[in-house]
C-alpha cells in the first residue's frame, strides 16, 4: 500500500468541499458524534444504493473528519488514480503475500490519524452473511468500530454505537445489529442482515 501523494492536497480539498456542499444542499444532516480517538473503523449499513457512499462520506465530513476507504490497486492507476486518492482511497493488493487485513491494519500503525469506512455487507445485493473484514481489521489494529447509517426519509446520517472488539464477534456486534435494524435505507426491500442478527 502506498501513501497518498501530497501534491493531491488541493484536489482533495476541492473534493471534500464539493461533497459537503452536495450533502448540505440536498438537505442531509448528521446526528450523533464520533469518538475522540483519531483512529477507528466505521461500518456503514444497510447498503442498498450507490448513494450510500457519498451519504456516509458527507455524514462524517460534517463532523470535521476525513475518512479513507479501501480499493483494489488497479483502480489507482491512470486516469482515475489521482481522484481515488483525493477521495481518500487506499489501494490494497489482492493476492499479495500480506493478507488484506494485515495490509489495512498496517495503515493504522503508520498514521496518527486514520479513519476507515467499510460497507458491512460488501455488496448492495441482499445477503445473510456480512463480511467480517471490518471487524478483523479493527481487532488487529486495536481500534474501535463506529456504526453509521442512513435514514433516507428524514435525510439523516446517523452515527450509532461504538464497538470495542474483543474477539467475540457475535457478542460485540449485538448493539450494532440493533442499531442498523432501526435505520431506513433507500431501498428497504434490499436490506438484509446476517442470520440470527
N, C-alpha and C. Protein backbone atom coordinates (compact mmCIF):
# COMPACT_ATOMS: atom_id res chain seq x y z
N UNK A 1 0.84 -1.18 0.00
CA UNK A 1 0.00 0.00 0.00
C UNK A 1 0.88 1.24 0.00
N UNK A 2 0.39 2.28 -0.62
CA UNK A 2 1.18 3.49 -0.73
C UNK A 2 0.47 4.64 -0.04
N UNK A 3 1.27 5.62 0.36
CA UNK A 3 0.70 6.80 0.98
C UNK A 3 0.17 7.72 -0.10
N UNK A 4 -0.78 8.55 0.25
CA UNK A 4 -1.35 9.48 -0.71
C UNK A 4 -0.29 10.48 -1.14
N UNK A 5 -0.32 10.86 -2.42
CA UNK A 5 0.60 11.84 -2.98
C UNK A 5 0.29 13.20 -2.36
N UNK A 6 1.26 13.84 -1.70
CA UNK A 6 0.99 15.14 -1.06
C UNK A 6 0.56 16.21 -2.06
N UNK A 7 0.90 16.03 -3.34
CA UNK A 7 0.50 17.00 -4.36
C UNK A 7 -1.00 16.99 -4.59
N UNK A 8 -1.69 15.96 -4.07
CA UNK A 8 -3.13 15.85 -4.26
C UNK A 8 -3.91 16.65 -3.22
N UNK A 9 -3.20 17.31 -2.29
CA UNK A 9 -3.86 18.07 -1.24
C UNK A 9 -4.91 19.04 -1.74
N UNK A 10 -4.57 19.90 -2.72
CA UNK A 10 -5.58 20.85 -3.23
C UNK A 10 -6.79 20.15 -3.86
N UNK A 11 -6.54 19.07 -4.61
CA UNK A 11 -7.65 18.32 -5.21
C UNK A 11 -8.52 17.70 -4.13
N UNK A 12 -7.87 17.14 -3.11
CA UNK A 12 -8.63 16.54 -2.00
C UNK A 12 -9.51 17.58 -1.33
N UNK A 13 -8.98 18.78 -1.16
CA UNK A 13 -9.76 19.85 -0.54
C UNK A 13 -10.97 20.22 -1.37
N UNK A 14 -10.79 20.28 -2.69
CA UNK A 14 -11.91 20.59 -3.58
C UNK A 14 -12.97 19.50 -3.55
N UNK A 15 -12.51 18.23 -3.54
CA UNK A 15 -13.44 17.11 -3.48
C UNK A 15 -14.25 17.15 -2.18
N UNK A 16 -13.56 17.39 -1.06
CA UNK A 16 -14.24 17.46 0.24
C UNK A 16 -15.28 18.58 0.26
N UNK A 17 -14.89 19.74 -0.28
CA UNK A 17 -15.79 20.89 -0.29
C UNK A 17 -17.02 20.61 -1.14
N UNK A 18 -16.80 20.00 -2.31
CA UNK A 18 -17.92 19.67 -3.20
C UNK A 18 -18.86 18.66 -2.57
N UNK A 19 -18.29 17.66 -1.92
CA UNK A 19 -19.10 16.63 -1.29
C UNK A 19 -19.95 17.19 -0.15
N UNK A 20 -19.33 18.02 0.69
CA UNK A 20 -20.08 18.62 1.80
C UNK A 20 -21.16 19.57 1.28
N UNK A 21 -20.82 20.29 0.20
CA UNK A 21 -21.81 21.19 -0.40
C UNK A 21 -23.02 20.41 -0.88
N UNK A 22 -22.78 19.29 -1.57
CA UNK A 22 -23.88 18.45 -2.05
C UNK A 22 -24.71 17.93 -0.86
N UNK A 23 -24.04 17.44 0.18
CA UNK A 23 -24.70 16.86 1.34
C UNK A 23 -25.65 17.88 1.97
N UNK A 24 -25.16 19.10 2.16
CA UNK A 24 -25.98 20.12 2.82
C UNK A 24 -27.07 20.67 1.91
N UNK A 25 -26.74 20.91 0.64
CA UNK A 25 -27.75 21.44 -0.29
C UNK A 25 -28.88 20.44 -0.51
N UNK A 26 -28.58 19.16 -0.40
CA UNK A 26 -29.59 18.12 -0.58
C UNK A 26 -30.47 17.96 0.64
N UNK A 27 -30.16 18.70 1.71
CA UNK A 27 -31.00 18.67 2.90
C UNK A 27 -30.60 17.62 3.93
N UNK A 28 -29.44 17.00 3.75
CA UNK A 28 -28.98 15.99 4.71
C UNK A 28 -28.39 16.65 5.95
N UNK A 29 -28.56 15.98 7.08
CA UNK A 29 -27.97 16.42 8.35
C UNK A 29 -27.33 15.23 9.06
N UNK A 30 -26.41 15.53 9.94
CA UNK A 30 -25.73 14.50 10.71
C UNK A 30 -26.24 14.49 12.14
N UNK A 31 -26.49 13.29 12.65
CA UNK A 31 -26.92 13.12 14.04
C UNK A 31 -25.91 12.22 14.74
N UNK A 32 -25.46 12.64 15.91
CA UNK A 32 -24.50 11.84 16.66
C UNK A 32 -23.11 12.42 16.59
N UNK A 33 -22.19 11.77 17.26
CA UNK A 33 -20.82 12.26 17.35
C UNK A 33 -19.83 11.12 17.19
N UNK A 34 -18.65 11.47 16.70
CA UNK A 34 -17.58 10.50 16.56
C UNK A 34 -16.76 10.44 17.85
N UNK A 35 -16.05 9.35 18.07
CA UNK A 35 -15.24 9.25 19.28
C UNK A 35 -14.06 10.22 19.23
N UNK A 36 -13.50 10.52 20.38
CA UNK A 36 -12.36 11.43 20.47
C UNK A 36 -11.10 10.83 19.87
N UNK A 37 -11.00 9.50 19.89
CA UNK A 37 -9.82 8.85 19.33
C UNK A 37 -9.67 9.20 17.86
N UNK A 38 -8.43 9.25 17.38
CA UNK A 38 -8.17 9.64 16.00
C UNK A 38 -8.10 8.45 15.05
N UNK A 39 -8.25 7.24 15.57
CA UNK A 39 -8.20 6.05 14.73
C UNK A 39 -9.41 5.17 15.01
N UNK A 40 -10.14 4.82 13.96
CA UNK A 40 -11.28 3.91 14.12
C UNK A 40 -11.75 3.41 12.77
N UNK A 41 -12.53 2.34 12.81
CA UNK A 41 -13.18 1.79 11.61
C UNK A 41 -14.65 2.17 11.68
N UNK A 42 -15.19 2.69 10.59
CA UNK A 42 -16.62 2.99 10.51
C UNK A 42 -17.28 1.92 9.65
N UNK A 43 -18.31 1.28 10.17
CA UNK A 43 -19.07 0.36 9.33
C UNK A 43 -20.38 1.05 8.96
N UNK A 44 -20.64 1.05 7.65
CA UNK A 44 -21.85 1.66 7.13
C UNK A 44 -22.83 0.60 6.67
N UNK A 45 -24.08 0.72 7.10
CA UNK A 45 -25.12 -0.23 6.71
C UNK A 45 -26.48 0.41 7.05
N UNK A 46 -27.57 -0.07 6.50
CA UNK A 46 -27.66 -1.04 5.40
C UNK A 46 -27.21 -0.39 4.10
N UNK A 47 -26.53 -1.16 3.25
CA UNK A 47 -26.01 -0.66 1.99
C UNK A 47 -26.92 -1.16 0.86
N UNK A 48 -27.81 -0.28 0.39
CA UNK A 48 -28.79 -0.68 -0.62
C UNK A 48 -28.76 0.19 -1.87
N UNK A 49 -27.88 1.20 -1.90
CA UNK A 49 -27.87 2.14 -3.01
C UNK A 49 -26.47 2.70 -3.24
N UNK A 50 -26.21 3.11 -4.47
CA UNK A 50 -24.94 3.78 -4.76
C UNK A 50 -24.83 5.13 -4.05
N UNK A 51 -25.96 5.69 -3.64
CA UNK A 51 -25.95 6.97 -2.93
C UNK A 51 -25.43 6.82 -1.50
N UNK A 52 -25.39 5.60 -0.97
CA UNK A 52 -24.97 5.41 0.41
C UNK A 52 -23.55 5.93 0.65
N UNK A 53 -22.66 5.68 -0.30
CA UNK A 53 -21.26 6.06 -0.08
C UNK A 53 -21.09 7.57 0.09
N UNK A 54 -21.61 8.41 -0.85
CA UNK A 54 -21.48 9.85 -0.60
C UNK A 54 -22.21 10.31 0.65
N UNK A 55 -23.32 9.64 1.01
CA UNK A 55 -24.02 10.00 2.25
C UNK A 55 -23.12 9.71 3.46
N UNK A 56 -22.47 8.54 3.46
CA UNK A 56 -21.57 8.21 4.57
C UNK A 56 -20.42 9.21 4.65
N UNK A 57 -19.83 9.53 3.49
CA UNK A 57 -18.70 10.48 3.49
C UNK A 57 -19.16 11.86 3.98
N UNK A 58 -20.33 12.30 3.52
CA UNK A 58 -20.85 13.58 3.95
C UNK A 58 -21.17 13.61 5.44
N UNK A 59 -21.72 12.51 5.93
CA UNK A 59 -22.05 12.41 7.36
C UNK A 59 -20.81 12.62 8.21
N UNK A 60 -19.75 11.93 7.88
CA UNK A 60 -18.51 12.05 8.65
C UNK A 60 -17.82 13.38 8.38
N UNK A 61 -17.91 13.84 7.13
CA UNK A 61 -17.26 15.10 6.77
C UNK A 61 -17.81 16.29 7.52
N UNK A 62 -19.12 16.30 7.81
CA UNK A 62 -19.70 17.42 8.56
C UNK A 62 -19.16 17.49 9.98
N UNK A 63 -18.60 16.39 10.44
CA UNK A 63 -18.02 16.34 11.80
C UNK A 63 -16.52 16.65 11.77
N UNK A 64 -16.05 17.10 10.62
CA UNK A 64 -14.66 17.54 10.52
C UNK A 64 -13.64 16.44 10.35
N UNK A 65 -14.10 15.26 9.96
CA UNK A 65 -13.17 14.16 9.78
C UNK A 65 -13.08 13.75 8.32
N UNK A 66 -11.88 13.42 7.91
CA UNK A 66 -11.65 12.86 6.57
C UNK A 66 -11.55 11.36 6.73
N UNK A 67 -12.23 10.63 5.89
CA UNK A 67 -12.20 9.17 6.00
C UNK A 67 -11.52 8.55 4.80
N UNK A 68 -11.08 7.33 4.98
CA UNK A 68 -10.43 6.56 3.93
C UNK A 68 -11.28 5.33 3.62
N UNK A 69 -11.07 4.80 2.43
CA UNK A 69 -11.73 3.56 2.06
C UNK A 69 -10.72 2.73 1.28
N UNK A 70 -10.94 1.43 1.23
CA UNK A 70 -10.01 0.56 0.53
C UNK A 70 -10.55 0.21 -0.86
N UNK A 71 -9.63 0.01 -1.78
CA UNK A 71 -10.00 -0.39 -3.13
C UNK A 71 -8.86 -1.18 -3.74
N UNK A 72 -9.19 -2.02 -4.71
CA UNK A 72 -8.14 -2.82 -5.34
C UNK A 72 -7.17 -1.90 -6.07
N UNK A 73 -5.90 -2.28 -6.06
CA UNK A 73 -4.83 -1.42 -6.56
C UNK A 73 -5.04 -0.99 -8.01
N UNK A 74 -5.71 -1.81 -8.82
CA UNK A 74 -5.90 -1.47 -10.24
C UNK A 74 -6.73 -0.20 -10.42
N UNK A 75 -7.55 0.15 -9.42
CA UNK A 75 -8.37 1.36 -9.50
C UNK A 75 -7.56 2.62 -9.31
N UNK A 76 -6.32 2.48 -8.86
CA UNK A 76 -5.50 3.64 -8.54
C UNK A 76 -4.49 3.96 -9.64
N UNK A 77 -4.70 3.38 -10.81
CA UNK A 77 -3.86 3.69 -11.96
C UNK A 77 -4.46 4.84 -12.76
N UNK A 78 -3.66 5.39 -13.65
CA UNK A 78 -4.14 6.44 -14.55
C UNK A 78 -5.33 5.90 -15.37
N UNK A 79 -6.40 6.68 -15.56
CA UNK A 79 -6.54 8.09 -15.24
C UNK A 79 -7.26 8.37 -13.91
N UNK A 80 -7.76 7.33 -13.23
CA UNK A 80 -8.58 7.54 -12.04
C UNK A 80 -7.79 7.56 -10.73
N UNK A 81 -6.51 7.20 -10.79
CA UNK A 81 -5.74 7.05 -9.56
C UNK A 81 -5.70 8.28 -8.68
N UNK A 82 -5.47 9.44 -9.30
CA UNK A 82 -5.39 10.68 -8.52
C UNK A 82 -6.70 11.01 -7.83
N UNK A 83 -7.81 10.83 -8.56
CA UNK A 83 -9.12 11.11 -7.97
C UNK A 83 -9.41 10.15 -6.83
N UNK A 84 -9.08 8.87 -7.02
CA UNK A 84 -9.32 7.88 -5.97
C UNK A 84 -8.58 8.25 -4.69
N UNK A 85 -7.33 8.67 -4.83
CA UNK A 85 -6.56 9.07 -3.65
C UNK A 85 -7.12 10.35 -3.04
N UNK A 86 -7.54 11.29 -3.89
CA UNK A 86 -8.11 12.54 -3.40
C UNK A 86 -9.39 12.29 -2.61
N UNK A 87 -10.14 11.25 -3.00
CA UNK A 87 -11.37 10.90 -2.27
C UNK A 87 -11.08 10.20 -0.95
N UNK A 88 -9.81 9.80 -0.75
CA UNK A 88 -9.45 9.11 0.49
C UNK A 88 -9.18 7.63 0.29
N UNK A 89 -9.12 7.20 -0.96
CA UNK A 89 -8.91 5.79 -1.24
C UNK A 89 -7.51 5.31 -0.88
N UNK A 90 -7.44 4.08 -0.44
CA UNK A 90 -6.17 3.43 -0.10
C UNK A 90 -6.10 2.12 -0.89
N UNK A 91 -5.10 1.96 -1.75
CA UNK A 91 -5.04 0.75 -2.56
C UNK A 91 -4.57 -0.47 -1.78
N UNK A 92 -5.17 -1.62 -2.07
CA UNK A 92 -4.73 -2.89 -1.48
C UNK A 92 -4.45 -3.86 -2.61
N UNK A 93 -3.49 -4.72 -2.38
CA UNK A 93 -3.11 -5.71 -3.38
C UNK A 93 -3.75 -7.04 -3.04
N UNK A 94 -4.74 -7.42 -3.83
CA UNK A 94 -5.39 -8.71 -3.61
C UNK A 94 -4.44 -9.81 -4.05
N UNK A 95 -4.37 -10.88 -3.27
CA UNK A 95 -3.48 -11.97 -3.61
C UNK A 95 -2.03 -11.71 -3.22
N UNK A 96 -1.78 -10.58 -2.53
CA UNK A 96 -0.42 -10.28 -2.10
C UNK A 96 -0.01 -11.21 -0.96
N UNK A 97 1.30 -11.28 -0.72
CA UNK A 97 1.81 -12.15 0.35
C UNK A 97 1.20 -11.74 1.69
N UNK A 98 1.05 -10.44 1.89
CA UNK A 98 0.43 -9.93 3.12
C UNK A 98 -1.07 -9.87 2.90
N UNK A 99 -1.87 -10.52 3.75
CA UNK A 99 -3.32 -10.54 3.55
C UNK A 99 -3.92 -9.15 3.70
N UNK A 100 -5.15 -9.00 3.19
CA UNK A 100 -5.80 -7.70 3.16
C UNK A 100 -5.95 -7.10 4.55
N UNK A 101 -6.34 -7.91 5.53
CA UNK A 101 -6.50 -7.41 6.89
C UNK A 101 -5.19 -6.82 7.41
N UNK A 102 -4.09 -7.53 7.17
CA UNK A 102 -2.78 -7.05 7.62
C UNK A 102 -2.37 -5.79 6.88
N UNK A 103 -2.67 -5.72 5.58
CA UNK A 103 -2.33 -4.53 4.80
C UNK A 103 -3.02 -3.30 5.37
N UNK A 104 -4.31 -3.44 5.67
CA UNK A 104 -5.06 -2.28 6.16
C UNK A 104 -4.68 -1.96 7.60
N UNK A 105 -4.49 -2.97 8.42
CA UNK A 105 -4.07 -2.73 9.81
C UNK A 105 -2.75 -1.99 9.84
N UNK A 106 -1.88 -2.26 8.88
CA UNK A 106 -0.59 -1.57 8.81
C UNK A 106 -0.77 -0.08 8.57
N UNK A 107 -1.83 0.29 7.86
CA UNK A 107 -2.10 1.72 7.63
C UNK A 107 -2.41 2.43 8.94
N UNK A 108 -3.14 1.76 9.81
CA UNK A 108 -3.43 2.35 11.12
C UNK A 108 -2.14 2.56 11.90
N UNK A 109 -1.21 1.63 11.78
CA UNK A 109 0.06 1.74 12.50
C UNK A 109 0.92 2.88 11.94
N UNK A 110 0.77 3.17 10.65
CA UNK A 110 1.60 4.19 10.00
C UNK A 110 1.11 5.62 10.23
N UNK A 111 -0.15 5.77 10.60
CA UNK A 111 -0.72 7.11 10.71
C UNK A 111 -1.17 7.42 12.14
N UNK A 112 -1.08 8.71 12.49
CA UNK A 112 -1.59 9.16 13.79
C UNK A 112 -3.08 9.45 13.71
N UNK A 113 -3.58 9.65 12.51
CA UNK A 113 -4.98 10.00 12.29
C UNK A 113 -5.46 9.17 11.10
N UNK A 114 -6.33 8.19 11.36
CA UNK A 114 -6.77 7.33 10.26
C UNK A 114 -8.14 6.76 10.59
N UNK A 115 -9.12 7.16 9.79
CA UNK A 115 -10.49 6.64 9.93
C UNK A 115 -10.83 5.92 8.63
N UNK A 116 -11.26 4.70 8.74
CA UNK A 116 -11.55 3.86 7.57
C UNK A 116 -13.03 3.53 7.54
N UNK A 117 -13.68 3.73 6.38
CA UNK A 117 -15.09 3.39 6.25
C UNK A 117 -15.24 2.13 5.39
N UNK A 118 -16.09 1.22 5.85
CA UNK A 118 -16.30 -0.06 5.17
C UNK A 118 -17.80 -0.35 5.14
N UNK A 119 -18.30 -0.80 3.98
CA UNK A 119 -19.68 -1.25 3.89
C UNK A 119 -19.74 -2.66 4.48
N UNK A 120 -20.52 -2.83 5.52
CA UNK A 120 -20.54 -4.10 6.25
C UNK A 120 -20.89 -5.29 5.37
N UNK A 121 -21.87 -5.09 4.47
CA UNK A 121 -22.31 -6.21 3.64
C UNK A 121 -21.33 -6.54 2.53
N UNK A 122 -20.57 -5.54 2.08
CA UNK A 122 -19.65 -5.75 0.98
C UNK A 122 -20.35 -5.81 -0.37
N UNK A 123 -21.67 -5.58 -0.40
CA UNK A 123 -22.46 -5.64 -1.63
C UNK A 123 -23.78 -4.94 -1.40
N UNK A 124 -24.43 -4.48 -2.50
CA UNK A 124 -25.76 -3.89 -2.39
C UNK A 124 -26.85 -4.95 -2.49
N UNK A 125 -26.48 -6.17 -2.88
CA UNK A 125 -27.46 -7.24 -3.02
C UNK A 125 -27.81 -7.81 -1.65
N UNK A 126 -29.05 -8.26 -1.45
CA UNK A 126 -29.41 -8.86 -0.16
C UNK A 126 -28.50 -10.04 0.17
N UNK A 127 -28.11 -10.12 1.41
CA UNK A 127 -27.23 -11.20 1.83
C UNK A 127 -27.50 -11.56 3.29
N UNK A 128 -27.33 -12.81 3.62
CA UNK A 128 -27.48 -13.23 5.02
C UNK A 128 -26.11 -13.46 5.65
N UNK A 129 -25.08 -13.00 4.95
CA UNK A 129 -23.72 -13.10 5.51
C UNK A 129 -23.01 -11.78 5.31
N UNK A 130 -22.70 -11.12 6.39
CA UNK A 130 -21.89 -9.92 6.30
C UNK A 130 -20.43 -10.34 6.28
N UNK A 131 -19.63 -9.63 5.52
CA UNK A 131 -18.20 -9.88 5.55
C UNK A 131 -17.64 -9.32 6.86
N UNK A 132 -16.78 -10.05 7.49
CA UNK A 132 -16.29 -9.64 8.82
C UNK A 132 -14.92 -8.97 8.75
N UNK A 133 -14.49 -8.61 7.53
CA UNK A 133 -13.18 -7.97 7.39
C UNK A 133 -13.05 -6.71 8.23
N UNK A 134 -14.12 -5.90 8.30
CA UNK A 134 -14.07 -4.67 9.09
C UNK A 134 -13.76 -4.99 10.55
N UNK A 135 -14.34 -6.08 11.05
CA UNK A 135 -14.14 -6.48 12.44
C UNK A 135 -12.70 -6.97 12.65
N UNK A 136 -12.22 -7.79 11.71
CA UNK A 136 -10.87 -8.33 11.83
C UNK A 136 -9.82 -7.22 11.74
N UNK A 137 -10.08 -6.22 10.88
CA UNK A 137 -9.16 -5.09 10.77
C UNK A 137 -9.10 -4.32 12.08
N UNK A 138 -10.28 -4.01 12.65
CA UNK A 138 -10.32 -3.27 13.90
C UNK A 138 -9.65 -4.04 15.03
N UNK A 139 -9.89 -5.34 15.05
CA UNK A 139 -9.30 -6.19 16.09
C UNK A 139 -7.77 -6.19 15.98
N UNK A 140 -7.26 -6.36 14.76
CA UNK A 140 -5.82 -6.41 14.57
C UNK A 140 -5.16 -5.07 14.81
N UNK A 141 -5.83 -3.99 14.38
CA UNK A 141 -5.28 -2.65 14.55
C UNK A 141 -5.50 -2.10 15.95
N UNK A 142 -6.32 -2.83 16.75
CA UNK A 142 -6.64 -2.39 18.12
C UNK A 142 -7.31 -1.02 18.14
N UNK A 143 -8.32 -0.88 17.28
CA UNK A 143 -9.09 0.37 17.21
C UNK A 143 -10.57 0.04 17.35
N UNK A 144 -11.38 1.01 17.79
CA UNK A 144 -12.82 0.77 17.92
C UNK A 144 -13.55 0.82 16.57
N UNK A 145 -14.78 0.34 16.60
CA UNK A 145 -15.66 0.35 15.43
C UNK A 145 -16.80 1.32 15.69
N UNK A 146 -17.04 2.22 14.75
CA UNK A 146 -18.14 3.17 14.82
C UNK A 146 -19.24 2.72 13.86
N UNK A 147 -20.46 2.66 14.32
CA UNK A 147 -21.59 2.31 13.46
C UNK A 147 -22.19 3.58 12.87
N UNK A 148 -22.52 3.55 11.59
CA UNK A 148 -23.13 4.71 10.93
C UNK A 148 -24.06 4.23 9.83
N UNK A 149 -25.16 4.93 9.67
CA UNK A 149 -26.10 4.53 8.64
C UNK A 149 -27.06 5.64 8.27
N UNK A 150 -27.81 5.45 7.18
CA UNK A 150 -28.71 6.49 6.68
C UNK A 150 -30.15 6.32 7.13
N UNK A 151 -30.81 7.45 7.28
CA UNK A 151 -32.26 7.49 7.44
C UNK A 151 -32.75 8.33 6.26
N UNK A 152 -33.05 7.65 5.16
CA UNK A 152 -33.39 8.36 3.92
C UNK A 152 -34.66 9.20 4.03
N UNK A 153 -35.75 8.72 4.65
CA UNK A 153 -36.96 9.55 4.69
C UNK A 153 -36.74 10.91 5.34
N UNK A 154 -35.88 10.95 6.37
CA UNK A 154 -35.62 12.20 7.08
C UNK A 154 -34.29 12.84 6.70
N UNK A 155 -33.57 12.22 5.75
CA UNK A 155 -32.27 12.71 5.29
C UNK A 155 -31.31 12.94 6.46
N UNK A 156 -31.14 11.89 7.23
CA UNK A 156 -30.22 11.94 8.36
C UNK A 156 -29.11 10.92 8.18
N UNK A 157 -27.89 11.35 8.40
CA UNK A 157 -26.77 10.44 8.51
C UNK A 157 -26.53 10.23 9.99
N UNK A 158 -26.75 9.03 10.48
CA UNK A 158 -26.76 8.79 11.93
C UNK A 158 -25.52 8.03 12.38
N UNK A 159 -24.83 8.59 13.37
CA UNK A 159 -23.70 7.91 14.00
C UNK A 159 -24.24 7.13 15.19
N UNK A 160 -23.97 5.85 15.22
CA UNK A 160 -24.52 4.98 16.26
C UNK A 160 -23.51 4.55 17.30
N UNK A 161 -23.69 3.35 17.83
CA UNK A 161 -22.86 2.89 18.95
C UNK A 161 -21.39 2.66 18.57
N UNK A 162 -20.56 2.73 19.59
CA UNK A 162 -19.13 2.48 19.47
C UNK A 162 -18.86 1.07 19.97
N UNK A 163 -18.20 0.28 19.16
CA UNK A 163 -17.91 -1.11 19.50
C UNK A 163 -16.41 -1.28 19.74
N UNK A 164 -16.05 -1.88 20.86
CA UNK A 164 -14.66 -2.21 21.13
C UNK A 164 -14.51 -3.72 20.94
N UNK A 165 -13.93 -4.14 19.82
CA UNK A 165 -13.86 -5.58 19.53
C UNK A 165 -13.02 -6.35 20.54
N UNK A 166 -13.56 -7.47 20.99
CA UNK A 166 -12.88 -8.31 21.98
C UNK A 166 -12.42 -9.64 21.39
N UNK A 167 -12.93 -9.95 20.19
CA UNK A 167 -12.68 -11.25 19.59
C UNK A 167 -13.93 -12.10 19.57
N UNK A 168 -14.97 -11.70 20.32
CA UNK A 168 -16.25 -12.39 20.33
C UNK A 168 -17.20 -11.61 19.41
N UNK A 169 -17.18 -11.94 18.13
CA UNK A 169 -17.91 -11.18 17.12
C UNK A 169 -19.41 -11.09 17.43
N UNK A 170 -20.04 -12.21 17.72
CA UNK A 170 -21.49 -12.23 17.94
C UNK A 170 -21.90 -11.34 19.11
N UNK A 171 -21.17 -11.43 20.20
CA UNK A 171 -21.49 -10.62 21.38
C UNK A 171 -21.20 -9.14 21.13
N UNK A 172 -20.06 -8.87 20.51
CA UNK A 172 -19.68 -7.47 20.28
C UNK A 172 -20.65 -6.77 19.33
N UNK A 173 -21.17 -7.51 18.35
CA UNK A 173 -21.97 -6.88 17.30
C UNK A 173 -23.46 -6.76 17.63
N UNK A 174 -23.91 -7.30 18.76
CA UNK A 174 -25.33 -7.21 19.10
C UNK A 174 -25.86 -5.78 19.11
N UNK A 175 -25.18 -4.83 19.78
CA UNK A 175 -25.71 -3.45 19.74
C UNK A 175 -25.65 -2.84 18.34
N UNK A 176 -24.69 -3.28 17.54
CA UNK A 176 -24.59 -2.77 16.17
C UNK A 176 -25.77 -3.24 15.35
N UNK A 177 -26.09 -4.54 15.42
CA UNK A 177 -27.22 -5.07 14.66
C UNK A 177 -28.52 -4.40 15.08
N UNK A 178 -28.71 -4.16 16.37
CA UNK A 178 -29.92 -3.49 16.86
C UNK A 178 -30.01 -2.08 16.28
N UNK A 179 -28.89 -1.38 16.23
CA UNK A 179 -28.86 -0.03 15.66
C UNK A 179 -29.22 -0.04 14.19
N UNK A 180 -28.57 -0.90 13.42
CA UNK A 180 -28.78 -0.92 11.98
C UNK A 180 -30.20 -1.32 11.61
N UNK A 181 -30.82 -2.20 12.40
CA UNK A 181 -32.20 -2.61 12.11
C UNK A 181 -33.19 -1.46 12.28
N UNK A 182 -32.80 -0.44 13.03
CA UNK A 182 -33.69 0.70 13.25
C UNK A 182 -33.58 1.80 12.20
N UNK A 183 -32.70 1.62 11.22
CA UNK A 183 -32.50 2.64 10.19
C UNK A 183 -33.43 2.42 9.00
N UNK A 184 -33.55 3.46 8.17
CA UNK A 184 -34.43 3.40 7.00
C UNK A 184 -33.59 3.61 5.74
N UNK A 185 -33.14 2.53 5.10
CA UNK A 185 -32.31 2.66 3.90
C UNK A 185 -33.11 3.14 2.70
N UNK A 186 -32.41 3.47 1.62
CA UNK A 186 -33.08 3.97 0.42
C UNK A 186 -33.98 2.90 -0.18
N UNK A 187 -33.53 1.64 -0.16
CA UNK A 187 -34.32 0.54 -0.69
C UNK A 187 -34.50 -0.52 0.41
N UNK A 188 -35.51 -0.34 1.28
CA UNK A 188 -35.68 -1.27 2.41
C UNK A 188 -35.80 -2.72 1.99
N UNK A 189 -36.34 -2.99 0.81
CA UNK A 189 -36.53 -4.37 0.36
C UNK A 189 -35.18 -5.05 0.09
N UNK A 190 -34.13 -4.27 -0.08
CA UNK A 190 -32.82 -4.85 -0.32
C UNK A 190 -32.00 -5.04 0.95
N UNK A 191 -32.46 -4.46 2.05
CA UNK A 191 -31.71 -4.55 3.30
C UNK A 191 -31.74 -5.98 3.84
N UNK A 192 -30.61 -6.46 4.28
CA UNK A 192 -30.52 -7.81 4.82
C UNK A 192 -29.48 -7.85 5.92
N UNK A 193 -29.67 -8.79 6.82
CA UNK A 193 -28.77 -8.92 7.96
C UNK A 193 -28.34 -10.37 8.08
N UNK A 194 -27.21 -10.61 8.76
CA UNK A 194 -26.78 -11.99 8.96
C UNK A 194 -27.83 -12.79 9.71
N UNK A 195 -27.88 -14.09 9.46
CA UNK A 195 -28.80 -14.96 10.19
C UNK A 195 -28.58 -14.81 11.69
N UNK A 196 -29.65 -14.62 12.42
CA UNK A 196 -29.56 -14.50 13.86
C UNK A 196 -29.24 -13.09 14.35
N UNK A 197 -29.01 -12.15 13.43
CA UNK A 197 -28.66 -10.79 13.86
C UNK A 197 -29.91 -10.04 14.31
